[in-house]
Amino acid sequence: SAESVTALLGGHVDLVTSGASFLAGQFRQGTLRLLALAAPRRGAGVLATVPTWREQGHDIVSDNFRNVLAPAGIDAQQVRYWEDAFAKLARTDEWRKDLEANLWENTYMSSSESRKYLDAQYAQLRQILADLGLAK
């Protein structure tokens, strides 16, 4: 968040976590140092010099993802319509430009792929919380 970066730059905190695109400007200017990316591989452009957590010996990968949600009663034809629309969007030059400008990866997933991904994320995070004694 802007508040956490302000606190970091003001010397009020020693470390923050944030999306890399949010910090890229300060990184380029040399006002802060990116310690690691929680990505499976190094980023492009300015992020190419930032090592991943895995490169530093820590098995940490974390995605920053967005989902498009619909009511539970949506029918298969409606799901296909929206999947097709977003799949087409993910292939446009405008989207590629946005990806590049924001240092994002194109990780478009269909509805079924998203469901599998979210189920895996849920299981992983639930286990972490259980290990910490915060969930059953």
N, C-alpha and C. Protein backbone atom coordinates (compact mmCIF):
# COMPACT_ATOMS: atom_id res chain seq x y z
N SER A 1 0.84 -1.19 0.00
CA SER A 1 0.00 0.00 0.00
C SER A 1 0.88 1.25 0.00
N ALA A 2 0.30 2.33 -0.39
CA ALA A 2 1.04 3.60 -0.39
C ALA A 2 1.49 3.95 1.02
N GLU A 3 0.66 3.66 2.00
CA GLU A 3 1.00 3.96 3.39
C GLU A 3 2.23 3.18 3.85
N SER A 4 2.32 1.90 3.47
CA SER A 4 3.47 1.11 3.90
C SER A 4 4.75 1.56 3.22
N VAL A 5 4.66 1.93 1.94
CA VAL A 5 5.85 2.42 1.24
C VAL A 5 6.30 3.76 1.83
N THR A 6 5.36 4.61 2.16
CA THR A 6 5.69 5.89 2.80
C THR A 6 6.40 5.65 4.13
N ALA A 7 5.89 4.69 4.89
CA ALA A 7 6.52 4.35 6.18
C ALA A 7 7.93 3.81 5.96
N LEU A 8 8.12 3.01 4.92
CA LEU A 8 9.45 2.47 4.61
C LEU A 8 10.41 3.59 4.22
N LEU A 9 9.99 4.43 3.28
CA LEU A 9 10.85 5.51 2.82
C LEU A 9 11.13 6.53 3.92
N GLY A 10 10.21 6.65 4.88
CA GLY A 10 10.41 7.56 6.00
C GLY A 10 11.22 6.97 7.13
N GLY A 11 11.62 5.70 6.99
CA GLY A 11 12.43 5.06 8.02
C GLY A 11 11.64 4.60 9.23
N HIS A 12 10.32 4.51 9.11
CA HIS A 12 9.48 4.10 10.24
C HIS A 12 9.35 2.59 10.35
N VAL A 13 9.57 1.88 9.25
CA VAL A 13 9.59 0.41 9.23
C VAL A 13 10.80 -0.02 8.42
N ASP A 14 11.23 -1.24 8.65
CA ASP A 14 12.43 -1.75 7.98
C ASP A 14 12.14 -2.53 6.71
N LEU A 15 10.91 -3.02 6.58
CA LEU A 15 10.60 -3.95 5.49
C LEU A 15 9.11 -3.91 5.19
N VAL A 16 8.75 -4.01 3.91
CA VAL A 16 7.35 -4.16 3.52
C VAL A 16 7.25 -5.21 2.43
N THR A 17 6.07 -5.77 2.29
CA THR A 17 5.79 -6.64 1.16
C THR A 17 4.76 -5.93 0.29
N SER A 18 4.93 -6.07 -1.02
CA SER A 18 4.03 -5.39 -1.94
C SER A 18 4.19 -5.99 -3.32
N GLY A 19 3.25 -5.71 -4.17
CA GLY A 19 3.39 -6.09 -5.57
C GLY A 19 4.56 -5.35 -6.18
N ALA A 20 5.33 -6.05 -6.99
CA ALA A 20 6.55 -5.45 -7.57
C ALA A 20 6.24 -4.24 -8.43
N SER A 21 5.13 -4.26 -9.15
CA SER A 21 4.82 -3.12 -10.02
C SER A 21 4.59 -1.86 -9.20
N PHE A 22 4.07 -2.01 -8.00
CA PHE A 22 3.82 -0.86 -7.13
C PHE A 22 5.13 -0.22 -6.67
N LEU A 23 6.18 -1.00 -6.56
CA LEU A 23 7.46 -0.51 -6.05
C LEU A 23 8.48 -0.20 -7.14
N ALA A 24 8.16 -0.52 -8.38
CA ALA A 24 9.14 -0.41 -9.46
C ALA A 24 9.69 1.00 -9.62
N GLY A 25 8.85 2.02 -9.48
CA GLY A 25 9.33 3.40 -9.63
C GLY A 25 10.40 3.75 -8.62
N GLN A 26 10.15 3.43 -7.35
CA GLN A 26 11.13 3.71 -6.31
C GLN A 26 12.39 2.88 -6.50
N PHE A 27 12.21 1.64 -6.98
CA PHE A 27 13.36 0.78 -7.24
C PHE A 27 14.22 1.37 -8.35
N ARG A 28 13.58 1.82 -9.43
CA ARG A 28 14.32 2.43 -10.55
C ARG A 28 15.08 3.67 -10.08
N GLN A 29 14.47 4.45 -9.19
CA GLN A 29 15.10 5.69 -8.70
C GLN A 29 16.18 5.42 -7.66
N GLY A 30 16.25 4.18 -7.18
CA GLY A 30 17.25 3.84 -6.19
C GLY A 30 16.88 4.23 -4.77
N THR A 31 15.59 4.53 -4.53
CA THR A 31 15.18 4.92 -3.18
C THR A 31 14.81 3.73 -2.31
N LEU A 32 14.71 2.56 -2.91
CA LEU A 32 14.52 1.34 -2.12
C LEU A 32 15.13 0.17 -2.86
N ARG A 33 15.34 -0.89 -2.13
CA ARG A 33 15.95 -2.11 -2.67
C ARG A 33 14.93 -3.25 -2.60
N LEU A 34 14.76 -3.95 -3.69
CA LEU A 34 13.89 -5.12 -3.71
C LEU A 34 14.74 -6.33 -3.33
N LEU A 35 14.35 -7.00 -2.26
CA LEU A 35 15.14 -8.13 -1.75
C LEU A 35 14.87 -9.42 -2.50
N ALA A 36 13.62 -9.65 -2.89
CA ALA A 36 13.28 -10.90 -3.56
C ALA A 36 11.92 -10.80 -4.21
N LEU A 37 11.74 -11.61 -5.24
CA LEU A 37 10.43 -11.78 -5.87
C LEU A 37 9.86 -13.12 -5.42
N ALA A 38 8.60 -13.13 -5.07
CA ALA A 38 7.94 -14.38 -4.68
C ALA A 38 7.32 -15.01 -5.92
N ALA A 39 8.09 -15.09 -6.98
CA ALA A 39 7.64 -15.61 -8.27
C ALA A 39 8.45 -16.86 -8.61
N PRO A 40 7.95 -17.67 -9.53
CA PRO A 40 8.70 -18.87 -9.89
C PRO A 40 9.99 -18.57 -10.66
N ARG A 41 10.05 -17.38 -11.28
CA ARG A 41 11.26 -16.99 -12.03
C ARG A 41 11.40 -15.47 -11.95
N ARG A 42 12.57 -14.99 -12.31
CA ARG A 42 12.80 -13.55 -12.29
C ARG A 42 11.85 -12.84 -13.24
N GLY A 43 11.58 -11.60 -12.94
CA GLY A 43 10.71 -10.79 -13.78
C GLY A 43 11.44 -10.24 -14.98
N ALA A 44 10.72 -9.48 -15.77
CA ALA A 44 11.28 -8.86 -16.97
C ALA A 44 11.69 -7.42 -16.64
N GLY A 45 12.41 -6.82 -17.56
CA GLY A 45 12.77 -5.41 -17.43
C GLY A 45 13.55 -5.13 -16.17
N VAL A 46 13.12 -4.12 -15.43
CA VAL A 46 13.81 -3.70 -14.22
C VAL A 46 13.86 -4.81 -13.18
N LEU A 47 12.91 -5.74 -13.22
CA LEU A 47 12.88 -6.83 -12.24
C LEU A 47 13.84 -7.97 -12.57
N ALA A 48 14.49 -7.92 -13.71
CA ALA A 48 15.42 -8.99 -14.10
C ALA A 48 16.61 -9.09 -13.15
N THR A 49 16.92 -8.03 -12.44
CA THR A 49 18.06 -8.05 -11.52
C THR A 49 17.69 -8.50 -10.11
N VAL A 50 16.40 -8.70 -9.87
CA VAL A 50 15.94 -9.06 -8.53
C VAL A 50 15.82 -10.58 -8.42
N PRO A 51 16.54 -11.21 -7.50
CA PRO A 51 16.46 -12.67 -7.37
C PRO A 51 15.12 -13.10 -6.78
N THR A 52 14.75 -14.33 -7.06
CA THR A 52 13.55 -14.90 -6.46
C THR A 52 13.90 -15.44 -5.08
N TRP A 53 12.86 -15.72 -4.29
CA TRP A 53 13.10 -16.35 -2.99
C TRP A 53 13.75 -17.72 -3.18
N ARG A 54 13.31 -18.45 -4.20
CA ARG A 54 13.89 -19.78 -4.45
C ARG A 54 15.37 -19.70 -4.74
N GLU A 55 15.77 -18.70 -5.51
CA GLU A 55 17.19 -18.52 -5.80
C GLU A 55 18.00 -18.30 -4.52
N GLN A 56 17.34 -17.78 -3.51
CA GLN A 56 18.01 -17.50 -2.24
C GLN A 56 17.80 -18.61 -1.21
N GLY A 57 17.30 -19.76 -1.68
CA GLY A 57 17.19 -20.92 -0.82
C GLY A 57 15.90 -21.07 -0.04
N HIS A 58 14.88 -20.29 -0.38
CA HIS A 58 13.60 -20.37 0.31
C HIS A 58 12.52 -20.76 -0.69
N ASP A 59 11.80 -21.83 -0.42
CA ASP A 59 10.78 -22.32 -1.35
C ASP A 59 9.49 -21.51 -1.18
N ILE A 60 9.53 -20.28 -1.64
CA ILE A 60 8.39 -19.37 -1.51
C ILE A 60 7.98 -18.89 -2.90
N VAL A 61 6.75 -19.17 -3.26
CA VAL A 61 6.15 -18.64 -4.48
C VAL A 61 4.74 -18.19 -4.11
N SER A 62 4.43 -16.97 -4.43
CA SER A 62 3.11 -16.43 -4.11
C SER A 62 2.64 -15.57 -5.26
N ASP A 63 1.44 -15.83 -5.71
CA ASP A 63 0.88 -15.08 -6.82
C ASP A 63 -0.01 -13.95 -6.31
N ASN A 64 -0.09 -12.92 -7.10
CA ASN A 64 -1.04 -11.85 -6.88
C ASN A 64 -2.04 -11.98 -8.02
N PHE A 65 -3.21 -12.50 -7.72
CA PHE A 65 -4.15 -12.82 -8.79
C PHE A 65 -5.47 -12.10 -8.61
N ARG A 66 -6.20 -12.01 -9.71
CA ARG A 66 -7.54 -11.44 -9.73
C ARG A 66 -8.46 -12.46 -10.37
N ASN A 67 -9.68 -12.49 -9.91
CA ASN A 67 -10.68 -13.39 -10.49
C ASN A 67 -11.89 -12.59 -10.91
N VAL A 68 -12.58 -13.12 -11.89
CA VAL A 68 -13.88 -12.59 -12.30
C VAL A 68 -14.91 -13.56 -11.76
N LEU A 69 -15.83 -13.06 -10.97
CA LEU A 69 -16.82 -13.91 -10.31
C LEU A 69 -18.21 -13.64 -10.87
N ALA A 70 -19.04 -14.67 -10.83
CA ALA A 70 -20.43 -14.57 -11.27
C ALA A 70 -21.31 -15.29 -10.25
N PRO A 71 -22.61 -15.03 -10.30
CA PRO A 71 -23.50 -15.73 -9.37
C PRO A 71 -23.43 -17.25 -9.55
N ALA A 72 -23.72 -17.98 -8.49
CA ALA A 72 -23.64 -19.44 -8.52
C ALA A 72 -24.54 -20.05 -9.59
N GLY A 73 -25.63 -19.41 -9.96
CA GLY A 73 -26.58 -19.98 -10.91
C GLY A 73 -26.25 -19.76 -12.38
N ILE A 74 -25.11 -19.20 -12.68
CA ILE A 74 -24.76 -18.94 -14.08
C ILE A 74 -24.69 -20.26 -14.86
N ASP A 75 -25.23 -20.26 -16.09
CA ASP A 75 -25.25 -21.52 -16.84
C ASP A 75 -23.99 -21.69 -17.68
N ALA A 76 -23.80 -22.87 -18.23
CA ALA A 76 -22.57 -23.22 -18.98
C ALA A 76 -22.37 -22.31 -20.18
N GLN A 77 -23.45 -21.93 -20.85
CA GLN A 77 -23.34 -21.05 -22.02
C GLN A 77 -22.81 -19.68 -21.60
N GLN A 78 -23.28 -19.18 -20.49
CA GLN A 78 -22.79 -17.89 -19.98
C GLN A 78 -21.32 -17.99 -19.57
N VAL A 79 -20.94 -19.08 -18.95
CA VAL A 79 -19.53 -19.28 -18.58
C VAL A 79 -18.67 -19.27 -19.83
N ARG A 80 -19.08 -20.00 -20.87
CA ARG A 80 -18.31 -20.03 -22.13
C ARG A 80 -18.20 -18.64 -22.74
N TYR A 81 -19.31 -17.89 -22.73
CA TYR A 81 -19.29 -16.53 -23.28
C TYR A 81 -18.20 -15.70 -22.61
N TRP A 82 -18.20 -15.68 -21.27
CA TRP A 82 -17.23 -14.86 -20.55
C TRP A 82 -15.81 -15.41 -20.67
N GLU A 83 -15.65 -16.71 -20.68
CA GLU A 83 -14.32 -17.28 -20.90
C GLU A 83 -13.77 -16.85 -22.25
N ASP A 84 -14.60 -16.94 -23.29
CA ASP A 84 -14.17 -16.52 -24.63
C ASP A 84 -13.81 -15.04 -24.66
N ALA A 85 -14.65 -14.21 -24.02
CA ALA A 85 -14.39 -12.77 -24.02
C ALA A 85 -13.06 -12.45 -23.33
N PHE A 86 -12.81 -13.06 -22.17
CA PHE A 86 -11.57 -12.77 -21.45
C PHE A 86 -10.35 -13.41 -22.12
N ALA A 87 -10.54 -14.56 -22.74
CA ALA A 87 -9.44 -15.19 -23.48
C ALA A 87 -9.02 -14.30 -24.65
N LYS A 88 -10.00 -13.73 -25.35
CA LYS A 88 -9.70 -12.80 -26.45
C LYS A 88 -9.00 -11.55 -25.92
N LEU A 89 -9.50 -11.02 -24.84
CA LEU A 89 -8.88 -9.85 -24.22
C LEU A 89 -7.42 -10.12 -23.88
N ALA A 90 -7.14 -11.29 -23.34
CA ALA A 90 -5.78 -11.64 -22.91
C ALA A 90 -4.81 -11.76 -24.08
N ARG A 91 -5.34 -11.79 -25.31
CA ARG A 91 -4.47 -11.88 -26.49
C ARG A 91 -4.32 -10.55 -27.23
N THR A 92 -4.92 -9.48 -26.74
CA THR A 92 -4.87 -8.20 -27.45
C THR A 92 -3.56 -7.47 -27.19
N ASP A 93 -3.20 -6.61 -28.14
CA ASP A 93 -2.02 -5.77 -27.98
C ASP A 93 -2.17 -4.82 -26.79
N GLU A 94 -3.39 -4.31 -26.61
CA GLU A 94 -3.63 -3.39 -25.49
C GLU A 94 -3.34 -4.08 -24.16
N TRP A 95 -3.77 -5.33 -24.02
CA TRP A 95 -3.53 -6.08 -22.78
C TRP A 95 -2.04 -6.33 -22.60
N ARG A 96 -1.36 -6.71 -23.69
CA ARG A 96 0.09 -6.93 -23.60
C ARG A 96 0.82 -5.66 -23.15
N LYS A 97 0.36 -4.51 -23.65
CA LYS A 97 0.97 -3.24 -23.23
C LYS A 97 0.74 -2.99 -21.74
N ASP A 98 -0.48 -3.26 -21.28
CA ASP A 98 -0.77 -3.11 -19.84
C ASP A 98 0.09 -4.05 -19.01
N LEU A 99 0.24 -5.28 -19.47
CA LEU A 99 1.07 -6.25 -18.75
C LEU A 99 2.49 -5.72 -18.61
N GLU A 100 3.03 -5.25 -19.72
CA GLU A 100 4.41 -4.75 -19.71
C GLU A 100 4.54 -3.51 -18.83
N ALA A 101 3.61 -2.58 -18.95
CA ALA A 101 3.68 -1.33 -18.18
C ALA A 101 3.58 -1.59 -16.68
N ASN A 102 2.83 -2.61 -16.29
CA ASN A 102 2.62 -2.90 -14.87
C ASN A 102 3.50 -4.03 -14.34
N LEU A 103 4.40 -4.54 -15.18
CA LEU A 103 5.30 -5.63 -14.80
C LEU A 103 4.52 -6.88 -14.37
N TRP A 104 3.41 -7.15 -15.07
CA TRP A 104 2.56 -8.30 -14.78
C TRP A 104 2.88 -9.44 -15.74
N GLU A 105 2.51 -10.65 -15.35
CA GLU A 105 2.59 -11.83 -16.20
C GLU A 105 1.19 -12.13 -16.74
N ASN A 106 1.11 -12.65 -17.94
CA ASN A 106 -0.18 -13.04 -18.49
C ASN A 106 -0.46 -14.47 -18.04
N THR A 107 -1.31 -14.61 -17.06
CA THR A 107 -1.64 -15.93 -16.51
C THR A 107 -3.13 -16.21 -16.62
N TYR A 108 -3.71 -15.83 -17.75
CA TYR A 108 -5.14 -16.07 -17.95
C TYR A 108 -5.44 -17.56 -17.75
N MET A 109 -6.52 -17.84 -17.04
CA MET A 109 -6.97 -19.22 -16.83
C MET A 109 -8.46 -19.30 -17.14
N SER A 110 -8.86 -20.43 -17.68
CA SER A 110 -10.28 -20.68 -17.90
C SER A 110 -10.96 -20.88 -16.54
N SER A 111 -12.26 -21.00 -16.58
CA SER A 111 -13.02 -21.22 -15.34
C SER A 111 -12.57 -22.49 -14.62
N SER A 112 -12.41 -23.58 -15.35
CA SER A 112 -12.01 -24.84 -14.71
C SER A 112 -10.57 -24.77 -14.20
N GLU A 113 -9.69 -24.12 -14.96
CA GLU A 113 -8.30 -23.95 -14.50
C GLU A 113 -8.24 -23.08 -13.25
N SER A 114 -9.06 -22.03 -13.24
CA SER A 114 -9.10 -21.15 -12.07
C SER A 114 -9.59 -21.90 -10.84
N ARG A 115 -10.60 -22.74 -11.03
CA ARG A 115 -11.14 -23.51 -9.90
C ARG A 115 -10.06 -24.42 -9.30
N LYS A 116 -9.32 -25.12 -10.17
CA LYS A 116 -8.24 -25.99 -9.69
C LYS A 116 -7.17 -25.18 -8.96
N TYR A 117 -6.83 -24.04 -9.52
CA TYR A 117 -5.83 -23.17 -8.91
C TYR A 117 -6.28 -22.69 -7.54
N LEU A 118 -7.52 -22.20 -7.45
CA LEU A 118 -8.03 -21.70 -6.18
C LEU A 118 -8.16 -22.81 -5.14
N ASP A 119 -8.56 -24.00 -5.57
CA ASP A 119 -8.63 -25.13 -4.64
C ASP A 119 -7.25 -25.45 -4.07
N ALA A 120 -6.23 -25.41 -4.93
CA ALA A 120 -4.86 -25.68 -4.48
C ALA A 120 -4.37 -24.58 -3.53
N GLN A 121 -4.68 -23.32 -3.85
CA GLN A 121 -4.31 -22.21 -2.98
C GLN A 121 -4.97 -22.34 -1.61
N TYR A 122 -6.25 -22.69 -1.63
CA TYR A 122 -6.99 -22.87 -0.38
C TYR A 122 -6.35 -23.96 0.48
N ALA A 123 -6.04 -25.09 -0.14
CA ALA A 123 -5.45 -26.21 0.60
C ALA A 123 -4.09 -25.82 1.19
N GLN A 124 -3.28 -25.13 0.39
CA GLN A 124 -1.96 -24.71 0.86
C GLN A 124 -2.07 -23.73 2.02
N LEU A 125 -2.90 -22.72 1.88
CA LEU A 125 -3.03 -21.72 2.93
C LEU A 125 -3.68 -22.29 4.18
N ARG A 126 -4.63 -23.19 4.00
CA ARG A 126 -5.26 -23.83 5.16
C ARG A 126 -4.22 -24.63 5.95
N GLN A 127 -3.34 -25.34 5.23
CA GLN A 127 -2.29 -26.12 5.90
C GLN A 127 -1.33 -25.21 6.66
N ILE A 128 -0.96 -24.10 6.05
CA ILE A 128 -0.07 -23.16 6.73
C ILE A 128 -0.73 -22.65 8.01
N LEU A 129 -1.99 -22.27 7.91
CA LEU A 129 -2.71 -21.79 9.10
C LEU A 129 -2.85 -22.88 10.15
N ALA A 130 -3.08 -24.11 9.71
CA ALA A 130 -3.18 -25.23 10.66
C ALA A 130 -1.84 -25.46 11.35
N ASP A 131 -0.75 -25.40 10.58
CA ASP A 131 0.59 -25.56 11.16
C ASP A 131 0.89 -24.49 12.20
N LEU A 132 0.32 -23.31 12.01
CA LEU A 132 0.52 -22.21 12.95
C LEU A 132 -0.48 -22.23 14.10
N GLY A 133 -1.38 -23.21 14.06
CA GLY A 133 -2.39 -23.31 15.11
C GLY A 133 -3.53 -22.32 14.96
N LEU A 134 -3.69 -21.78 13.77
CA LEU A 134 -4.71 -20.76 13.53
C LEU A 134 -5.94 -21.31 12.81
N ALA A 135 -5.90 -22.58 12.41
CA ALA A 135 -7.05 -23.22 11.75
C ALA A 135 -7.04 -24.69 12.11
N LYS A 136 -8.20 -25.31 11.99
CA LYS A 136 -8.32 -26.74 12.28
C LYS A 136 -8.07 -27.56 11.05
